[in-house]
Amino acid sequence: MTQCLFCRIVKKEIPGRIVYEDEAVVAFEDINPQAPVHILVVPRKHVDSLMNLTQGDKELMGSLFMVANELAKTHDLNPSGFRAVINTGPGGGQTVYHLHVHLMGGRQMTWPPG
């Protein structure tokens, strides 16, 4: 997936404001933030969308959400709350086809989201 934007950020072929990385997960600031804190938590492994997960990805999904949890704490989002979202497919608002969790907070979130 040499043309995947997020794969290229993960591989540091193009710049990204990385705030966390480990052997399975990379997190970076969204370039078009929708909240004061808007971080994308992505697997290093390329998975197009939530619909393309396999049984072998269970641990990876747990890692994505554990990283989101820790980032929420380090960005002081936990007391007031935050949103963790996975957009899936065009109808779900997915624009980059590399699975990612949007971690957003720092303002009051509205419902429905849009």
C-alpha atoms as a PDB file:
ATOM      1  CA  MET A   1       0.000   0.000   0.000  1.00  0.00           C
ATOM      2  CA  THR A   2       2.648   2.505  -1.019  1.00  0.00           C
ATOM      3  CA  GLN A   3       0.021   5.155  -1.840  1.00  0.00           C
ATOM      4  CA  CYS A   4      -1.886   4.908   1.459  1.00  0.00           C
ATOM      5  CA  LEU A   5      -1.558   8.263   3.229  1.00  0.00           C
ATOM      6  CA  PHE A   6      -1.557   6.771   6.720  1.00  0.00           C
ATOM      7  CA  CYS A   7       0.923   4.021   5.778  1.00  0.00           C
ATOM      8  CA  ARG A   8       3.243   6.741   4.520  1.00  0.00           C
ATOM      9  CA  ILE A   9       2.889   8.690   7.813  1.00  0.00           C
ATOM     10  CA  VAL A  10       3.486   5.490   9.829  1.00  0.00           C
ATOM     11  CA  LYS A  11       6.653   4.815   7.778  1.00  0.00           C
ATOM     12  CA  LYS A  12       7.656   8.483   8.186  1.00  0.00           C
ATOM     13  CA  GLU A  13       7.826   8.954   4.425  1.00  0.00           C
ATOM     14  CA  ILE A  14       5.702  12.072   4.886  1.00  0.00           C
ATOM     15  CA  PRO A  15       5.484  14.235   8.004  1.00  0.00           C
ATOM     16  CA  GLY A  16       2.901  13.754  10.683  1.00  0.00           C
ATOM     17  CA  ARG A  17       2.630  15.181  14.182  1.00  0.00           C
ATOM     18  CA  ILE A  18       3.127  11.851  15.921  1.00  0.00           C
ATOM     19  CA  VAL A  19       2.113  11.826  19.572  1.00  0.00           C
ATOM     20  CA  TYR A  20       2.510   8.102  20.265  1.00  0.00           C
ATOM     21  CA  GLU A  21       4.003   5.013  18.680  1.00  0.00           C
ATOM     22  CA  ASP A  22       4.758   1.437  19.610  1.00  0.00           C
ATOM     23  CA  GLU A  23       5.284  -1.799  17.673  1.00  0.00           C
ATOM     24  CA  ALA A  24       1.617  -2.057  16.603  1.00  0.00           C
ATOM     25  CA  VAL A  25       0.097   1.444  16.790  1.00  0.00           C
ATOM     26  CA  VAL A  26       0.912   5.010  15.750  1.00  0.00           C
ATOM     27  CA  ALA A  27      -1.104   8.073  16.812  1.00  0.00           C
ATOM     28  CA  PHE A  28      -0.867  11.505  15.260  1.00  0.00           C
ATOM     29  CA  GLU A  29      -2.740  14.797  15.250  1.00  0.00           C
ATOM     30  CA  ASP A  30      -5.443  15.187  12.602  1.00  0.00           C
ATOM     31  CA  ILE A  31      -4.497  17.815   9.997  1.00  0.00           C
ATOM     32  CA  ASN A  32      -8.112  19.045   9.915  1.00  0.00           C
ATOM     33  CA  PRO A  33      -9.112  18.900  13.596  1.00  0.00           C
ATOM     34  CA  GLN A  34     -12.798  18.896  14.495  1.00  0.00           C
ATOM     35  CA  ALA A  35     -12.110  19.480  18.202  1.00  0.00           C
ATOM     36  CA  PRO A  36      -9.325  21.051  20.281  1.00  0.00           C
ATOM     37  CA  VAL A  37      -7.884  17.544  20.652  1.00  0.00           C
ATOM     38  CA  HIS A  38      -8.262  15.399  17.521  1.00  0.00           C
ATOM     39  CA  ILE A  39      -5.859  12.486  17.305  1.00  0.00           C
ATOM     40  CA  LEU A  40      -5.920   9.594  14.856  1.00  0.00           C
ATOM     41  CA  VAL A  41      -4.933   6.220  16.293  1.00  0.00           C
ATOM     42  CA  VAL A  42      -3.912   3.839  13.499  1.00  0.00           C
ATOM     43  CA  PRO A  43      -2.480   0.344  13.276  1.00  0.00           C
ATOM     44  CA  ARG A  44       0.929   0.004  11.643  1.00  0.00           C
ATOM     45  CA  LYS A  45      -0.590  -2.917   9.737  1.00  0.00           C
ATOM     46  CA  HIS A  46      -2.657  -1.748   6.785  1.00  0.00           C
ATOM     47  CA  VAL A  47      -6.325  -2.696   7.167  1.00  0.00           C
ATOM     48  CA  ASP A  48      -8.661  -0.851   4.776  1.00  0.00           C
ATOM     49  CA  SER A  49     -11.634  -0.581   7.124  1.00  0.00           C
ATOM     50  CA  LEU A  50     -13.436  -2.050  10.093  1.00  0.00           C
ATOM     51  CA  MET A  51     -15.213  -4.388   7.666  1.00  0.00           C
ATOM     52  CA  ASN A  52     -11.906  -5.981   6.640  1.00  0.00           C
ATOM     53  CA  LEU A  53     -10.797  -7.113  10.093  1.00  0.00           C
ATOM     54  CA  THR A  54     -10.042 -10.790  10.629  1.00  0.00           C
ATOM     55  CA  GLN A  55     -10.095 -12.980  13.737  1.00  0.00           C
ATOM     56  CA  GLY A  56      -6.353 -12.382  13.958  1.00  0.00           C
ATOM     57  CA  ASP A  57      -6.932  -8.647  14.473  1.00  0.00           C
ATOM     58  CA  LYS A  58      -8.603  -8.931  17.892  1.00  0.00           C
ATOM     59  CA  GLU A  59      -5.450  -7.986  19.801  1.00  0.00           C
ATOM     60  CA  LEU A  60      -4.751  -5.132  17.386  1.00  0.00           C
ATOM     61  CA  MET A  61      -8.209  -3.642  17.977  1.00  0.00           C
ATOM     62  CA  GLY A  62      -7.665  -3.860  21.717  1.00  0.00           C
ATOM     63  CA  SER A  63      -4.354  -2.052  21.281  1.00  0.00           C
ATOM     64  CA  LEU A  64      -5.997   0.764  19.280  1.00  0.00           C
ATOM     65  CA  PHE A  65      -8.529   1.420  22.028  1.00  0.00           C
ATOM     66  CA  MET A  66      -6.029   1.066  24.875  1.00  0.00           C
ATOM     67  CA  VAL A  67      -3.824   3.675  23.176  1.00  0.00           C
ATOM     68  CA  ALA A  68      -6.860   5.936  22.701  1.00  0.00           C
ATOM     69  CA  ASN A  69      -7.632   5.490  26.410  1.00  0.00           C
ATOM     70  CA  GLU A  70      -4.097   6.462  27.443  1.00  0.00           C
ATOM     71  CA  LEU A  71      -4.040   9.457  25.094  1.00  0.00           C
ATOM     72  CA  ALA A  72      -7.371  10.640  26.511  1.00  0.00           C
ATOM     73  CA  LYS A  73      -5.776  10.583  29.960  1.00  0.00           C
ATOM     74  CA  THR A  74      -2.562  12.338  28.913  1.00  0.00           C
ATOM     75  CA  HIS A  75      -4.557  15.031  27.092  1.00  0.00           C
ATOM     76  CA  ASP A  76      -6.830  15.579  30.143  1.00  0.00           C
ATOM     77  CA  LEU A  77      -9.964  14.460  28.280  1.00  0.00           C
ATOM     78  CA  ASN A  78     -11.069  11.908  30.845  1.00  0.00           C
ATOM     79  CA  PRO A  79     -12.775  14.186  33.413  1.00  0.00           C
ATOM     80  CA  SER A  80     -15.095  15.912  30.946  1.00  0.00           C
ATOM     81  CA  GLY A  81     -15.381  13.128  28.380  1.00  0.00           C
ATOM     82  CA  PHE A  82     -14.390  12.527  24.791  1.00  0.00           C
ATOM     83  CA  ARG A  83     -15.424  10.709  21.649  1.00  0.00           C
ATOM     84  CA  ALA A  84     -13.721   7.706  20.008  1.00  0.00           C
ATOM     85  CA  VAL A  85     -15.063   7.041  16.498  1.00  0.00           C
ATOM     86  CA  ILE A  86     -14.346   4.686  13.599  1.00  0.00           C
ATOM     87  CA  ASN A  87     -15.843   5.866  10.312  1.00  0.00           C
ATOM     88  CA  THR A  88     -16.490   2.951   7.967  1.00  0.00           C
ATOM     89  CA  GLY A  89     -17.151   3.219   4.241  1.00  0.00           C
ATOM     90  CA  PRO A  90     -18.317   6.246   2.263  1.00  0.00           C
ATOM     91  CA  GLY A  91     -21.707   6.382   3.992  1.00  0.00           C
ATOM     92  CA  GLY A  92     -19.957   6.368   7.360  1.00  0.00           C
ATOM     93  CA  GLY A  93     -17.698   9.252   6.388  1.00  0.00           C
ATOM     94  CA  GLN A  94     -14.477   7.289   5.855  1.00  0.00           C
ATOM     95  CA  THR A  95     -12.161   9.278   3.592  1.00  0.00           C
ATOM     96  CA  VAL A  96      -8.830   7.506   4.173  1.00  0.00           C
ATOM     97  CA  TYR A  97      -9.017   3.757   3.686  1.00  0.00           C
ATOM     98  CA  HIS A  98      -6.706   2.746   6.507  1.00  0.00           C
ATOM     99  CA  LEU A  99      -8.526   1.754   9.698  1.00  0.00           C
ATOM    100  CA  HIS A 100      -8.265   4.502  12.313  1.00  0.00           C
ATOM    101  CA  VAL A 101      -9.873   5.685  15.536  1.00  0.00           C
ATOM    102  CA  HIS A 102     -10.647   9.385  15.850  1.00  0.00           C
ATOM    103  CA  LEU A 103     -10.036  10.511  19.440  1.00  0.00           C
ATOM    104  CA  MET A 104     -11.745  13.881  19.893  1.00  0.00           C
ATOM    105  CA  GLY A 105     -12.312  16.052  22.922  1.00  0.00           C
ATOM    106  CA  GLY A 106     -11.734  19.355  24.586  1.00  0.00           C
ATOM    107  CA  ARG A 107     -15.199  20.705  23.750  1.00  0.00           C
ATOM    108  CA  GLN A 108     -18.802  19.653  24.193  1.00  0.00           C
ATOM    109  CA  MET A 109     -19.700  17.034  21.585  1.00  0.00           C
ATOM    110  CA  THR A 110     -23.159  17.185  20.065  1.00  0.00           C
ATOM    111  CA  TRP A 111     -25.519  14.407  19.081  1.00  0.00           C
ATOM    112  CA  PRO A 112     -26.275  13.327  16.471  1.00  0.00           C
ATOM    113  CA  PRO A 113     -22.729  13.855  15.212  1.00  0.00           C
ATOM    114  CA  GLY A 114     -23.627  14.729  11.644  1.00  0.00           C
END
